[in-house]
PDB file of N, CA and C in Angstrom:
ATOM      1  N   MET A   1     105.892  97.160  92.359  1.00  0.00           N
ATOM      2  CA  MET A   1     106.281  97.425  93.734  1.00  0.00           C
ATOM      3  C   MET A   1     105.091  97.986  94.503  1.00  0.00           C
ATOM      4  N   ASN A   2     104.916  97.492  95.707  1.00  0.00           N
ATOM      5  CA  ASN A   2     103.911  98.132  96.545  1.00  0.00           C
ATOM      6  C   ASN A   2     104.530  99.381  97.178  1.00  0.00           C
ATOM      7  N   GLY A   3     103.745 100.141  97.908  1.00  0.00           N
ATOM      8  CA  GLY A   3     104.205 101.416  98.450  1.00  0.00           C
ATOM      9  C   GLY A   3     105.380 101.296  99.404  1.00  0.00           C
ATOM     10  N   GLU A   4     105.327 100.305 100.287  1.00  0.00           N
ATOM     11  CA  GLU A   4     106.428 100.136 101.237  1.00  0.00           C
ATOM     12  C   GLU A   4     107.717  99.748 100.516  1.00  0.00           C
ATOM     13  N   GLU A   5     107.593  98.885  99.510  1.00  0.00           N
ATOM     14  CA  GLU A   5     108.776  98.504  98.726  1.00  0.00           C
ATOM     15  C   GLU A   5     109.335  99.702  97.966  1.00  0.00           C
ATOM     16  N   LEU A   6     108.458 100.513  97.413  1.00  0.00           N
ATOM     17  CA  LEU A   6     108.876 101.701  96.683  1.00  0.00           C
ATOM     18  C   LEU A   6     109.680 102.631  97.590  1.00  0.00           C
ATOM     19  N   GLN A   7     109.138 102.921  98.755  1.00  0.00           N
ATOM     20  CA  GLN A   7     109.842 103.820  99.673  1.00  0.00           C
ATOM     21  C   GLN A   7     111.140 103.197 100.180  1.00  0.00           C
ATOM     22  N   GLU A   8     111.117 101.922 100.521  1.00  0.00           N
ATOM     23  CA  GLU A   8     112.348 101.290 101.022  1.00  0.00           C
ATOM     24  C   GLU A   8     113.412 101.238  99.937  1.00  0.00           C
ATOM     25  N   HIS A   9     113.016 101.004  98.700  1.00  0.00           N
ATOM     26  CA  HIS A   9     113.988 100.980  97.609  1.00  0.00           C
ATOM     27  C   HIS A   9     114.614 102.369  97.423  1.00  0.00           C
ATOM     28  N   ALA A  10     113.794 103.413  97.492  1.00  0.00           N
ATOM     29  CA  ALA A  10     114.316 104.784  97.387  1.00  0.00           C
ATOM     30  C   ALA A  10     115.264 105.088  98.551  1.00  0.00           C
ATOM     31  N   ARG A  11     114.902 104.679  99.764  1.00  0.00           N
ATOM     32  CA  ARG A  11     115.774 104.886 100.935  1.00  0.00           C
ATOM     33  C   ARG A  11     117.118 104.178 100.740  1.00  0.00           C
ATOM     34  N   ALA A  12     117.060 102.948 100.262  1.00  0.00           N
ATOM     35  CA  ALA A  12     118.289 102.167 100.061  1.00  0.00           C
ATOM     36  C   ALA A  12     119.205 102.857  99.062  1.00  0.00           C
ATOM     37  N   ARG A  13     118.652 103.418  98.005  1.00  0.00           N
ATOM     38  CA  ARG A  13     119.482 104.132  97.015  1.00  0.00           C
ATOM     39  C   ARG A  13     120.142 105.341  97.652  1.00  0.00           C
ATOM     40  N   VAL A  14     119.414 106.073  98.466  1.00  0.00           N
ATOM     41  CA  VAL A  14     119.950 107.281  99.099  1.00  0.00           C
ATOM     42  C   VAL A  14     121.099 106.947 100.049  1.00  0.00           C
ATOM     43  N   ARG A  15     121.081 105.767 100.642  1.00  0.00           N
ATOM     44  CA  ARG A  15     122.176 105.383 101.549  1.00  0.00           C
ATOM     45  C   ARG A  15     123.524 105.353 100.831  1.00  0.00           C
ATOM     46  N   GLU A  16     123.508 105.284  99.501  1.00  0.00           N
ATOM     47  CA  GLU A  16     124.742 105.258  98.709  1.00  0.00           C
ATOM     48  C   GLU A  16     125.245 106.666  98.374  1.00  0.00           C
ATOM     49  N   PHE A  17     124.517 107.703  98.767  1.00  0.00           N
ATOM     50  CA  PHE A  17     124.846 109.073  98.378  1.00  0.00           C
ATOM     51  C   PHE A  17     125.632 109.806  99.467  1.00  0.00           C
ATOM     52  N   PRO A  18     126.858 110.213  99.156  1.00  0.00           N
ATOM     53  CA  PRO A  18     127.623 111.011 100.112  1.00  0.00           C
ATOM     54  C   PRO A  18     126.909 112.328 100.419  1.00  0.00           C
ATOM     55  N   GLY A  19     126.917 112.704 101.687  1.00  0.00           N
ATOM     56  CA  GLY A  19     126.357 113.984 102.098  1.00  0.00           C
ATOM     57  C   GLY A  19     124.851 114.016 102.233  1.00  0.00           C
ATOM     58  N   ALA A  20     124.160 112.900 101.997  1.00  0.00           N
ATOM     59  CA  ALA A  20     122.692 112.870 102.116  1.00  0.00           C
ATOM     60  C   ALA A  20     122.297 112.680 103.578  1.00  0.00           C
ATOM     61  N   ASP A  21     121.357 113.500 104.023  1.00  0.00           N
ATOM     62  CA  ASP A  21     120.893 113.450 105.406  1.00  0.00           C
ATOM     63  C   ASP A  21     119.376 113.340 105.461  1.00  0.00           C
ATOM     64  N   LEU A  22     118.882 112.613 106.452  1.00  0.00           N
ATOM     65  CA  LEU A  22     117.449 112.473 106.694  1.00  0.00           C
ATOM     66  C   LEU A  22     117.045 113.420 107.813  1.00  0.00           C
ATOM     67  N   GLU A  23     115.977 114.185 107.572  1.00  0.00           N
ATOM     68  CA  GLU A  23     115.436 115.092 108.582  1.00  0.00           C
ATOM     69  C   GLU A  23     113.919 114.933 108.629  1.00  0.00           C
ATOM     70  N   HIS A  24     113.315 115.479 109.676  1.00  0.00           N
ATOM     71  CA  HIS A  24     111.860 115.429 109.838  1.00  0.00           C
ATOM     72  C   HIS A  24     111.313 116.823 110.177  1.00  0.00           C
ATOM     73  N   PRO A  25     111.542 117.811 109.310  1.00  0.00           N
ATOM     74  CA  PRO A  25     111.110 119.179 109.627  1.00  0.00           C
ATOM     75  C   PRO A  25     109.588 119.362 109.591  1.00  0.00           C
ATOM     76  N   PHE A  26     108.859 118.448 108.947  1.00  0.00           N
ATOM     77  CA  PHE A  26     107.408 118.568 108.832  1.00  0.00           C
ATOM     78  C   PHE A  26     106.683 117.594 109.754  1.00  0.00           C
ATOM     79  N   GLY A  27     107.412 116.963 110.667  1.00  0.00           N
ATOM     80  CA  GLY A  27     106.817 116.021 111.596  1.00  0.00           C
ATOM     81  C   GLY A  27     107.118 114.586 111.209  1.00  0.00           C
ATOM     82  N   PRO A  28     106.618 113.652 112.030  1.00  0.00           N
ATOM     83  CA  PRO A  28     106.956 112.243 111.839  1.00  0.00           C
ATOM     84  C   PRO A  28     106.373 111.613 110.575  1.00  0.00           C
ATOM     85  N   GLY A  29     105.405 112.220 109.947  1.00  0.00           N
ATOM     86  CA  GLY A  29     104.801 111.647 108.747  1.00  0.00           C
ATOM     87  C   GLY A  29     105.555 111.947 107.465  1.00  0.00           C
ATOM     88  N   TRP A  30     106.674 112.648 107.585  1.00  0.00           N
ATOM     89  CA  TRP A  30     107.462 113.041 106.411  1.00  0.00           C
ATOM     90  C   TRP A  30     108.935 112.746 106.632  1.00  0.00           C
ATOM     91  N   ASP A  31     109.535 111.943 105.750  1.00  0.00           N
ATOM     92  CA  ASP A  31     110.990 111.771 105.719  1.00  0.00           C
ATOM     93  C   ASP A  31     111.508 112.715 104.638  1.00  0.00           C
ATOM     94  N   VAL A  32     112.380 113.629 105.015  1.00  0.00           N
ATOM     95  CA  VAL A  32     112.904 114.625 104.083  1.00  0.00           C
ATOM     96  C   VAL A  32     114.402 114.401 103.942  1.00  0.00           C
ATOM     97  N   TYR A  33     114.828 114.122 102.720  1.00  0.00           N
ATOM     98  CA  TYR A  33     116.242 113.868 102.441  1.00  0.00           C
ATOM     99  C   TYR A  33     116.854 115.100 101.797  1.00  0.00           C
ATOM    100  N   LYS A  34     118.002 115.510 102.366  1.00  0.00           N
ATOM    101  CA  LYS A  34     118.684 116.707 101.904  1.00  0.00           C
ATOM    102  C   LYS A  34     120.148 116.402 101.622  1.00  0.00           C
ATOM    103  N   VAL A  35     120.731 117.208 100.756  1.00  0.00           N
ATOM    104  CA  VAL A  35     122.172 117.222 100.567  1.00  0.00           C
ATOM    105  C   VAL A  35     122.596 118.673 100.759  1.00  0.00           C
ATOM    106  N   ARG A  36     123.483 118.899 101.717  1.00  0.00           N
ATOM    107  CA  ARG A  36     123.949 120.245 102.052  1.00  0.00           C
ATOM    108  C   ARG A  36     122.765 121.192 102.267  1.00  0.00           C
ATOM    109  N   ASP A  37     121.790 120.720 103.051  1.00  0.00           N
ATOM    110  CA  ASP A  37     120.604 121.490 103.442  1.00  0.00           C
ATOM    111  C   ASP A  37     119.630 121.801 102.316  1.00  0.00           C
ATOM    112  N   LYS A  38     119.749 121.126 101.180  1.00  0.00           N
ATOM    113  CA  LYS A  38     118.826 121.309 100.055  1.00  0.00           C
ATOM    114  C   LYS A  38     118.040 120.018  99.850  1.00  0.00           C
ATOM    115  N   VAL A  39     116.733 120.109  99.802  1.00  0.00           N
ATOM    116  CA  VAL A  39     115.864 118.937  99.668  1.00  0.00           C
ATOM    117  C   VAL A  39     115.965 118.335  98.273  1.00  0.00           C
ATOM    118  N   PHE A  40     116.081 116.998  98.212  1.00  0.00           N
ATOM    119  CA  PHE A  40     116.028 116.303  96.928  1.00  0.00           C
ATOM    120  C   PHE A  40     115.016 115.156  96.914  1.00  0.00           C
ATOM    121  N   MET A  41     114.534 114.714  98.091  1.00  0.00           N
ATOM    122  CA  MET A  41     113.544 113.636  98.119  1.00  0.00           C
ATOM    123  C   MET A  41     112.723 113.721  99.396  1.00  0.00           C
ATOM    124  N   LEU A  42     111.419 113.454  99.243  1.00  0.00           N
ATOM    125  CA  LEU A  42     110.516 113.381 100.384  1.00  0.00           C
ATOM    126  C   LEU A  42     109.732 112.077 100.304  1.00  0.00           C
ATOM    127  N   LEU A  43     109.502 111.459 101.460  1.00  0.00           N
ATOM    128  CA  LEU A  43     108.692 110.238 101.552  1.00  0.00           C
ATOM    129  C   LEU A  43     107.565 110.503 102.541  1.00  0.00           C
ATOM    130  N   THR A  44     106.351 110.106 102.180  1.00  0.00           N
ATOM    131  CA  THR A  44     105.216 110.274 103.083  1.00  0.00           C
ATOM    132  C   THR A  44     104.118 109.302 102.697  1.00  0.00           C
ATOM    133  N   ASP A  45     103.161 109.146 103.604  1.00  0.00           N
ATOM    134  CA  ASP A  45     101.965 108.382 103.279  1.00  0.00           C
ATOM    135  C   ASP A  45     100.724 109.183 103.676  1.00  0.00           C
ATOM    136  N   VAL A  46     100.864 110.502 103.812  1.00  0.00           N
ATOM    137  CA  VAL A  46      99.741 111.352 104.201  1.00  0.00           C
ATOM    138  C   VAL A  46      98.638 111.379 103.150  1.00  0.00           C
ATOM    139  N   THR A  47      98.939 110.942 101.930  1.00  0.00           N
ATOM    140  CA  THR A  47      97.943 110.911 100.856  1.00  0.00           C
ATOM    141  C   THR A  47      97.085 109.647 100.907  1.00  0.00           C
ATOM    142  N   GLY A  48      97.412 108.742 101.838  1.00  0.00           N
ATOM    143  CA  GLY A  48      96.693 107.474 101.925  1.00  0.00           C
ATOM    144  C   GLY A  48      97.454 106.331 101.289  1.00  0.00           C
ATOM    145  N   GLU A  49      98.549 106.632 100.619  1.00  0.00           N
ATOM    146  CA  GLU A  49      99.429 105.617 100.046  1.00  0.00           C
ATOM    147  C   GLU A  49     100.866 106.089 100.213  1.00  0.00           C
ATOM    148  N   PRO A  50     101.820 105.173 100.379  1.00  0.00           N
ATOM    149  CA  PRO A  50     103.218 105.575 100.475  1.00  0.00           C
ATOM    150  C   PRO A  50     103.701 106.115  99.124  1.00  0.00           C
ATOM    151  N   ILE A  51     104.220 107.344  99.133  1.00  0.00           N
ATOM    152  CA  ILE A  51     104.708 107.962  97.900  1.00  0.00           C
ATOM    153  C   ILE A  51     106.131 108.475  98.086  1.00  0.00           C
ATOM    154  N   VAL A  52     106.793 108.708  96.946  1.00  0.00           N
ATOM    155  CA  VAL A  52     108.140 109.277  96.904  1.00  0.00           C
ATOM    156  C   VAL A  52     108.053 110.531  96.031  1.00  0.00           C
ATOM    157  N   ILE A  53     108.552 111.651  96.539  1.00  0.00           N
ATOM    158  CA  ILE A  53     108.524 112.919  95.813  1.00  0.00           C
ATOM    159  C   ILE A  53     109.960 113.307  95.488  1.00  0.00           C
ATOM    160  N   LEU A  54     110.228 113.574  94.200  1.00  0.00           N
ATOM    161  CA  LEU A  54     111.592 113.822  93.728  1.00  0.00           C
ATOM    162  C   LEU A  54     111.678 115.072  92.872  1.00  0.00           C
ATOM    163  N   LYS A  55     112.825 115.712  92.916  1.00  0.00           N
ATOM    164  CA  LYS A  55     113.125 116.838  92.036  1.00  0.00           C
ATOM    165  C   LYS A  55     113.399 116.280  90.635  1.00  0.00           C
ATOM    166  N   THR A  56     113.013 117.042  89.602  1.00  0.00           N
ATOM    167  CA  THR A  56     113.232 116.588  88.233  1.00  0.00           C
ATOM    168  C   THR A  56     113.447 117.780  87.314  1.00  0.00           C
ATOM    169  N   ASP A  57     114.080 117.524  86.203  1.00  0.00           N
ATOM    170  CA  ASP A  57     114.166 118.517  85.139  1.00  0.00           C
ATOM    171  C   ASP A  57     112.749 118.653  84.565  1.00  0.00           C
ATOM    172  N   PRO A  58     112.270 119.878  84.316  1.00  0.00           N
ATOM    173  CA  PRO A  58     110.896 120.047  83.838  1.00  0.00           C
ATOM    174  C   PRO A  58     110.557 119.245  82.573  1.00  0.00           C
ATOM    175  N   GLU A  59     111.432 119.215  81.602  1.00  0.00           N
ATOM    176  CA  GLU A  59     111.160 118.453  80.374  1.00  0.00           C
ATOM    177  C   GLU A  59     111.098 116.956  80.658  1.00  0.00           C
ATOM    178  N   ASP A  60     112.031 116.468  81.482  1.00  0.00           N
ATOM    179  CA  ASP A  60     112.016 115.051  81.850  1.00  0.00           C
ATOM    180  C   ASP A  60     110.729 114.708  82.603  1.00  0.00           C
ATOM    181  N   GLY A  61     110.318 115.605  83.487  1.00  0.00           N
ATOM    182  CA  GLY A  61     109.096 115.369  84.254  1.00  0.00           C
ATOM    183  C   GLY A  61     107.886 115.212  83.365  1.00  0.00           C
ATOM    184  N   ASN A  62     107.779 116.048  82.338  1.00  0.00           N
ATOM    185  CA  ASN A  62     106.656 115.937  81.400  1.00  0.00           C
ATOM    186  C   ASN A  62     106.646 114.584  80.704  1.00  0.00           C
ATOM    187  N   VAL A  63     107.805 114.160  80.218  1.00  0.00           N
ATOM    188  CA  VAL A  63     107.908 112.875  79.515  1.00  0.00           C
ATOM    189  C   VAL A  63     107.585 111.723  80.466  1.00  0.00           C
ATOM    190  N   LEU A  64     108.120 111.765  81.662  1.00  0.00           N
ATOM    191  CA  LEU A  64     107.878 110.697  82.633  1.00  0.00           C
ATOM    192  C   LEU A  64     106.396 110.574  82.967  1.00  0.00           C
ATOM    193  N   ARG A  65     105.720 111.708  83.150  1.00  0.00           N
ATOM    194  CA  ARG A  65     104.285 111.679  83.473  1.00  0.00           C
ATOM    195  C   ARG A  65     103.474 111.103  82.307  1.00  0.00           C
ATOM    196  N   GLU A  66     103.915 111.367  81.080  1.00  0.00           N
ATOM    197  CA  GLU A  66     103.220 110.818  79.917  1.00  0.00           C
ATOM    198  C   GLU A  66     103.444 109.317  79.777  1.00  0.00           C
ATOM    199  N   GLN A  67     104.623 108.842  80.154  1.00  0.00           N
ATOM    200  CA  GLN A  67     104.979 107.440  79.935  1.00  0.00           C
ATOM    201  C   GLN A  67     104.602 106.497  81.071  1.00  0.00           C
ATOM    202  N   HIS A  68     104.384 107.032  82.275  1.00  0.00           N
ATOM    203  CA  HIS A  68     104.159 106.164  83.440  1.00  0.00           C
ATOM    204  C   HIS A  68     102.944 106.611  84.228  1.00  0.00           C
ATOM    205  N   GLU A  69     101.993 105.702  84.381  1.00  0.00           N
ATOM    206  CA  GLU A  69     100.812 106.030  85.175  1.00  0.00           C
ATOM    207  C   GLU A  69     101.156 106.239  86.644  1.00  0.00           C
ATOM    208  N   GLY A  70     102.279 105.686  87.085  1.00  0.00           N
ATOM    209  CA  GLY A  70     102.699 105.818  88.479  1.00  0.00           C
ATOM    210  C   GLY A  70     103.489 107.077  88.775  1.00  0.00           C
ATOM    211  N   ILE A  71     103.575 108.014  87.825  1.00  0.00           N
ATOM    212  CA  ILE A  71     104.299 109.266  88.044  1.00  0.00           C
ATOM    213  C   ILE A  71     103.349 110.430  87.763  1.00  0.00           C
ATOM    214  N   THR A  72     103.206 111.302  88.770  1.00  0.00           N
ATOM    215  CA  THR A  72     102.363 112.489  88.649  1.00  0.00           C
ATOM    216  C   THR A  72     103.176 113.716  89.087  1.00  0.00           C
ATOM    217  N   THR A  73     102.534 114.872  89.057  1.00  0.00           N
ATOM    218  CA  THR A  73     103.214 116.087  89.506  1.00  0.00           C
ATOM    219  C   THR A  73     103.545 115.974  90.991  1.00  0.00           C
ATOM    220  N   GLY A  74     104.485 116.779  91.443  1.00  0.00           N
ATOM    221  CA  GLY A  74     104.941 116.731  92.826  1.00  0.00           C
ATOM    222  C   GLY A  74     103.861 117.108  93.819  1.00  0.00           C
ATOM    223  N   TYR A  75     103.589 116.223  94.759  1.00  0.00           N
ATOM    224  CA  TYR A  75     102.596 116.471  95.799  1.00  0.00           C
ATOM    225  C   TYR A  75     103.081 117.596  96.713  1.00  0.00           C
ATOM    226  N   HIS A  76     102.311 118.652  96.817  1.00  0.00           N
ATOM    227  CA  HIS A  76     102.624 119.816  97.650  1.00  0.00           C
ATOM    228  C   HIS A  76     103.956 120.477  97.308  1.00  0.00           C
ATOM    229  N   MET A  77     104.400 120.321  96.059  1.00  0.00           N
ATOM    230  CA  MET A  77     105.662 120.914  95.623  1.00  0.00           C
ATOM    231  C   MET A  77     105.403 121.637  94.311  1.00  0.00           C
ATOM    232  N   ASN A  78     106.412 122.357  93.818  1.00  0.00           N
ATOM    233  CA  ASN A  78     106.327 123.023  92.528  1.00  0.00           C
ATOM    234  C   ASN A  78     106.053 121.965  91.456  1.00  0.00           C
ATOM    235  N   LYS A  79     104.950 122.081  90.763  1.00  0.00           N
ATOM    236  CA  LYS A  79     104.524 121.051  89.800  1.00  0.00           C
ATOM    237  C   LYS A  79     105.439 120.964  88.588  1.00  0.00           C
ATOM    238  N   LYS A  80     106.228 121.997  88.347  1.00  0.00           N
ATOM    239  CA  LYS A  80     107.133 121.998  87.203  1.00  0.00           C
ATOM    240  C   LYS A  80     108.435 121.257  87.505  1.00  0.00           C
ATOM    241  N   HIS A  81     108.897 121.347  88.749  1.00  0.00           N
ATOM    242  CA  HIS A  81     110.217 120.837  89.109  1.00  0.00           C
ATOM    243  C   HIS A  81     110.206 119.584  89.989  1.00  0.00           C
ATOM    244  N   TRP A  82     109.031 119.066  90.311  1.00  0.00           N
ATOM    245  CA  TRP A  82     108.937 117.907  91.196  1.00  0.00           C
ATOM    246  C   TRP A  82     107.946 116.895  90.642  1.00  0.00           C
ATOM    247  N   ILE A  83     108.221 115.624  90.893  1.00  0.00           N
ATOM    248  CA  ILE A  83     107.318 114.534  90.513  1.00  0.00           C
ATOM    249  C   ILE A  83     107.029 113.666  91.730  1.00  0.00           C
ATOM    250  N   THR A  84     105.919 112.957  91.664  1.00  0.00           N
ATOM    251  CA  THR A  84     105.547 112.005  92.702  1.00  0.00           C
ATOM    252  C   THR A  84     105.503 110.611  92.089  1.00  0.00           C
ATOM    253  N   LEU A  85     106.139 109.664  92.771  1.00  0.00           N
ATOM    254  CA  LEU A  85     106.104 108.255  92.379  1.00  0.00           C
ATOM    255  C   LEU A  85     105.054 107.554  93.232  1.00  0.00           C
ATOM    256  N   HIS A  86     104.133 106.870  92.564  1.00  0.00           N
ATOM    257  CA  HIS A  86     103.065 106.137  93.240  1.00  0.00           C
ATOM    258  C   HIS A  86     103.318 104.643  93.107  1.00  0.00           C
ATOM    259  N   PRO A  87     102.850 103.859  94.087  1.00  0.00           N
ATOM    260  CA  PRO A  87     103.081 102.410  94.073  1.00  0.00           C
ATOM    261  C   PRO A  87     102.174 101.679  93.081  1.00  0.00           C
ATOM    262  N   THR A  88     102.481 101.824  91.820  1.00  0.00           N
ATOM    263  CA  THR A  88     101.744 101.093  90.798  1.00  0.00           C
ATOM    264  C   THR A  88     102.696 100.141  90.097  1.00  0.00           C
ATOM    265  N   GLY A  89     102.163  99.256  89.304  1.00  0.00           N
ATOM    266  CA  GLY A  89     102.961  98.218  88.678  1.00  0.00           C
ATOM    267  C   GLY A  89     103.935  98.664  87.612  1.00  0.00           C
ATOM    268  N   ASP A  90     103.869  99.913  87.150  1.00  0.00           N
ATOM    269  CA  ASP A  90     104.712 100.291  86.019  1.00  0.00           C
ATOM    270  C   ASP A  90     106.041 100.951  86.407  1.00  0.00           C
ATOM    271  N   LEU A  91     106.378 100.974  87.673  1.00  0.00           N
ATOM    272  CA  LEU A  91     107.658 101.553  88.098  1.00  0.00           C
ATOM    273  C   LEU A  91     108.628 100.431  88.457  1.00  0.00           C
ATOM    274  N   SER A  92     109.702 100.331  87.690  1.00  0.00           N
ATOM    275  CA  SER A  92     110.710  99.299  87.954  1.00  0.00           C
ATOM    276  C   SER A  92     111.746  99.820  88.943  1.00  0.00           C
ATOM    277  N   LYS A  93     112.444  98.906  89.578  1.00  0.00           N
ATOM    278  CA  LYS A  93     113.507  99.298  90.505  1.00  0.00           C
ATOM    279  C   LYS A  93     114.604 100.094  89.803  1.00  0.00           C
ATOM    280  N   PRO A  94     115.056  99.693  88.605  1.00  0.00           N
ATOM    281  CA  PRO A  94     116.073 100.507  87.923  1.00  0.00           C
ATOM    282  C   PRO A  94     115.582 101.933  87.614  1.00  0.00           C
ATOM    283  N   LEU A  95     114.308 102.085  87.273  1.00  0.00           N
ATOM    284  CA  LEU A  95     113.779 103.426  87.020  1.00  0.00           C
ATOM    285  C   LEU A  95     113.779 104.249  88.302  1.00  0.00           C
ATOM    286  N   VAL A  96     113.353 103.655  89.402  1.00  0.00           N
ATOM    287  CA  VAL A  96     113.358 104.365  90.688  1.00  0.00           C
ATOM    288  C   VAL A  96     114.787 104.771  91.045  1.00  0.00           C
ATOM    289  N   ASP A  97     115.746 103.852  90.872  1.00  0.00           N
ATOM    290  CA  ASP A  97     117.159 104.187  91.126  1.00  0.00           C
ATOM    291  C   ASP A  97     117.583 105.402  90.311  1.00  0.00           C
ATOM    292  N   GLU A  98     117.243 105.384  89.040  1.00  0.00           N
ATOM    293  CA  GLU A  98     117.642 106.471  88.142  1.00  0.00           C
ATOM    294  C   GLU A  98     117.009 107.799  88.558  1.00  0.00           C
ATOM    295  N   LEU A  99     115.735 107.778  88.902  1.00  0.00           N
ATOM    296  CA  LEU A  99     115.043 109.011  89.269  1.00  0.00           C
ATOM    297  C   LEU A  99     115.541 109.577  90.595  1.00  0.00           C
ATOM    298  N   VAL A 100     115.807 108.710  91.564  1.00  0.00           N
ATOM    299  CA  VAL A 100     116.346 109.170  92.851  1.00  0.00           C
ATOM    300  C   VAL A 100     117.742 109.759  92.644  1.00  0.00           C
ATOM    301  N   THR A 101     118.571 109.089  91.845  1.00  0.00           N
ATOM    302  CA  THR A 101     119.919 109.582  91.557  1.00  0.00           C
ATOM    303  C   THR A 101     119.859 110.921  90.836  1.00  0.00           C
ATOM    304  N   ASP A 102     118.988 111.032  89.837  1.00  0.00           N
ATOM    305  CA  ASP A 102     118.867 112.288  89.094  1.00  0.00           C
ATOM    306  C   ASP A 102     118.433 113.437  90.002  1.00  0.00           C
ATOM    307  N   SER A 103     117.528 113.167  90.932  1.00  0.00           N
ATOM    308  CA  SER A 103     117.064 114.194  91.855  1.00  0.00           C
ATOM    309  C   SER A 103     118.226 114.698  92.723  1.00  0.00           C
ATOM    310  N   TYR A 104     118.976 113.765  93.274  1.00  0.00           N
ATOM    311  CA  TYR A 104     120.157 114.103  94.085  1.00  0.00           C
ATOM    312  C   TYR A 104     121.142 114.952  93.273  1.00  0.00           C
ATOM    313  N   LEU A 105     121.423 114.513  92.051  1.00  0.00           N
ATOM    314  CA  LEU A 105     122.419 115.211  91.226  1.00  0.00           C
ATOM    315  C   LEU A 105     121.936 116.586  90.765  1.00  0.00           C
ATOM    316  N   LEU A 106     120.630 116.758  90.556  1.00  0.00           N
ATOM    317  CA  LEU A 106     120.102 118.081  90.218  1.00  0.00           C
ATOM    318  C   LEU A 106     120.406 119.086  91.320  1.00  0.00           C
ATOM    319  N   VAL A 107     120.285 118.646  92.562  1.00  0.00           N
ATOM    320  CA  VAL A 107     120.585 119.528  93.684  1.00  0.00           C
ATOM    321  C   VAL A 107     122.096 119.740  93.801  1.00  0.00           C
ATOM    322  N   VAL A 108     122.865 118.664  93.711  1.00  0.00           N
ATOM    323  CA  VAL A 108     124.325 118.764  93.850  1.00  0.00           C
ATOM    324  C   VAL A 108     124.924 119.690  92.796  1.00  0.00           C
ATOM    325  N   GLU A 109     124.459 119.608  91.563  1.00  0.00           N
ATOM    326  CA  GLU A 109     125.075 120.425  90.510  1.00  0.00           C
ATOM    327  C   GLU A 109     124.817 121.916  90.681  1.00  0.00           C
ATOM    328  N   HIS A 110     123.845 122.287  91.499  1.00  0.00           N
ATOM    329  CA  HIS A 110     123.589 123.704  91.764  1.00  0.00           C
ATOM    330  C   HIS A 110     124.253 124.199  93.050  1.00  0.00           C
ATOM    331  N   LEU A 111     124.977 123.319  93.717  1.00  0.00           N
ATOM    332  CA  LEU A 111     125.744 123.734  94.899  1.00  0.00           C
ATOM    333  C   LEU A 111     127.056 124.359  94.449  1.00  0.00           C
ATOM    334  N   PRO A 112     127.617 125.254  95.265  1.00  0.00           N
ATOM    335  CA  PRO A 112     128.965 125.739  94.953  1.00  0.00           C
ATOM    336  C   PRO A 112     129.927 124.549  94.883  1.00  0.00           C
ATOM    337  N   ARG A 113     130.868 124.589  93.973  1.00  0.00           N
ATOM    338  CA  ARG A 113     131.794 123.457  93.780  1.00  0.00           C
ATOM    339  C   ARG A 113     132.426 122.969  95.084  1.00  0.00           C
ATOM    340  N   ALA A 114     132.793 123.880  95.947  1.00  0.00           N
ATOM    341  CA  ALA A 114     133.452 123.503  97.202  1.00  0.00           C
ATOM    342  C   ALA A 114     132.528 122.712  98.132  1.00  0.00           C
ATOM    343  N   LYS A 115     131.222 122.829  97.962  1.00  0.00           N
ATOM    344  CA  LYS A 115     130.272 122.133  98.827  1.00  0.00           C
ATOM    345  C   LYS A 115     129.748 120.837  98.222  1.00  0.00           C
ATOM    346  N   ARG A 116     130.096 120.540  96.987  1.00  0.00           N
ATOM    347  CA  ARG A 116     129.597 119.334  96.334  1.00  0.00           C
ATOM    348  C   ARG A 116     130.250 118.085  96.928  1.00  0.00           C
ATOM    349  N   PRO A 117     129.439 117.130  97.423  1.00  0.00           N
ATOM    350  CA  PRO A 117     130.021 115.902  97.975  1.00  0.00           C
ATOM    351  C   PRO A 117     130.487 114.940  96.885  1.00  0.00           C
ATOM    352  N   VAL A 118     130.021 115.137  95.644  1.00  0.00           N
ATOM    353  CA  VAL A 118     130.402 114.284  94.506  1.00  0.00           C
ATOM    354  C   VAL A 118     130.474 115.159  93.255  1.00  0.00           C
ATOM    355  N   ASP A 119     131.083 114.621  92.216  1.00  0.00           N
ATOM    356  CA  ASP A 119     131.097 115.291  90.921  1.00  0.00           C
ATOM    357  C   ASP A 119     129.815 114.893  90.189  1.00  0.00           C
ATOM    358  N   PRO A 120     128.884 115.831  89.969  1.00  0.00           N
ATOM    359  CA  PRO A 120     127.619 115.461  89.355  1.00  0.00           C
ATOM    360  C   PRO A 120     127.738 114.976  87.912  1.00  0.00           C
ATOM    361  N   ALA A 121     128.854 115.238  87.265  1.00  0.00           N
ATOM    362  CA  ALA A 121     129.039 114.787  85.885  1.00  0.00           C
ATOM    363  C   ALA A 121     129.340 113.291  85.803  1.00  0.00           C
ATOM    364  N   THR A 122     129.844 112.706  86.892  1.00  0.00           N
ATOM    365  CA  THR A 122     130.234 111.307  86.836  1.00  0.00           C
ATOM    366  C   THR A 122     129.551 110.410  87.870  1.00  0.00           C
ATOM    367  N   PHE A 123     129.092 110.945  88.979  1.00  0.00           N
ATOM    368  CA  PHE A 123     128.534 110.126  90.055  1.00  0.00           C
ATOM    369  C   PHE A 123     127.238 109.437  89.632  1.00  0.00           C
ATOM    370  N   GLY A 124     127.136 108.162  89.938  1.00  0.00           N
ATOM    371  CA  GLY A 124     125.900 107.418  89.743  1.00  0.00           C
ATOM    372  C   GLY A 124     125.553 107.067  88.316  1.00  0.00           C
ATOM    373  N   ARG A 125     126.467 107.241  87.417  1.00  0.00           N
ATOM    374  CA  ARG A 125     126.164 106.974  86.003  1.00  0.00           C
ATOM    375  C   ARG A 125     126.312 105.500  85.644  1.00  0.00           C
ATOM    376  N   ASP A 126     126.687 104.687  86.621  1.00  0.00           N
ATOM    377  CA  ASP A 126     126.816 103.249  86.389  1.00  0.00           C
ATOM    378  C   ASP A 126     125.757 102.473  87.157  1.00  0.00           C
ATOM    379  N   ILE A 127     124.522 102.963  87.112  1.00  0.00           N
ATOM    380  CA  ILE A 127     123.420 102.335  87.847  1.00  0.00           C
ATOM    381  C   ILE A 127     123.249 100.888  87.381  1.00  0.00           C
ATOM    382  N   ARG A 128     123.022 100.060  88.358  1.00  0.00           N
ATOM    383  CA  ARG A 128     122.875  98.621  88.107  1.00  0.00           C
ATOM    384  C   ARG A 128     121.792  98.350  87.100  1.00  0.00           C
TER     385      ARG A 128
END
């Protein structure tokens, strides 16, 4: 996937998420996706290439960075809890779907139950 395809694919996945909102708190060069005012995905090209920044479990993030040249630590984010997806040939659409979904669910599962737009134990587990 090239950078534009990577970002558009991530955007398309987010459109399936209840309660997900797009904001621009850092200006027009940053698309910031939130669920109940908590960030789970950022899109930008300020690095010179279109990238996707996602929340991740720290152990999963380590494994992903080891297995994929297109995944690095989170750009301008906590390096332990965030990853960056780069437009390289080793990121498949199903992997991007899974990572975007996992990022959303990591945030949702830490919300108070009454504020959760979905059940994080079951939502999105049937990824295409």
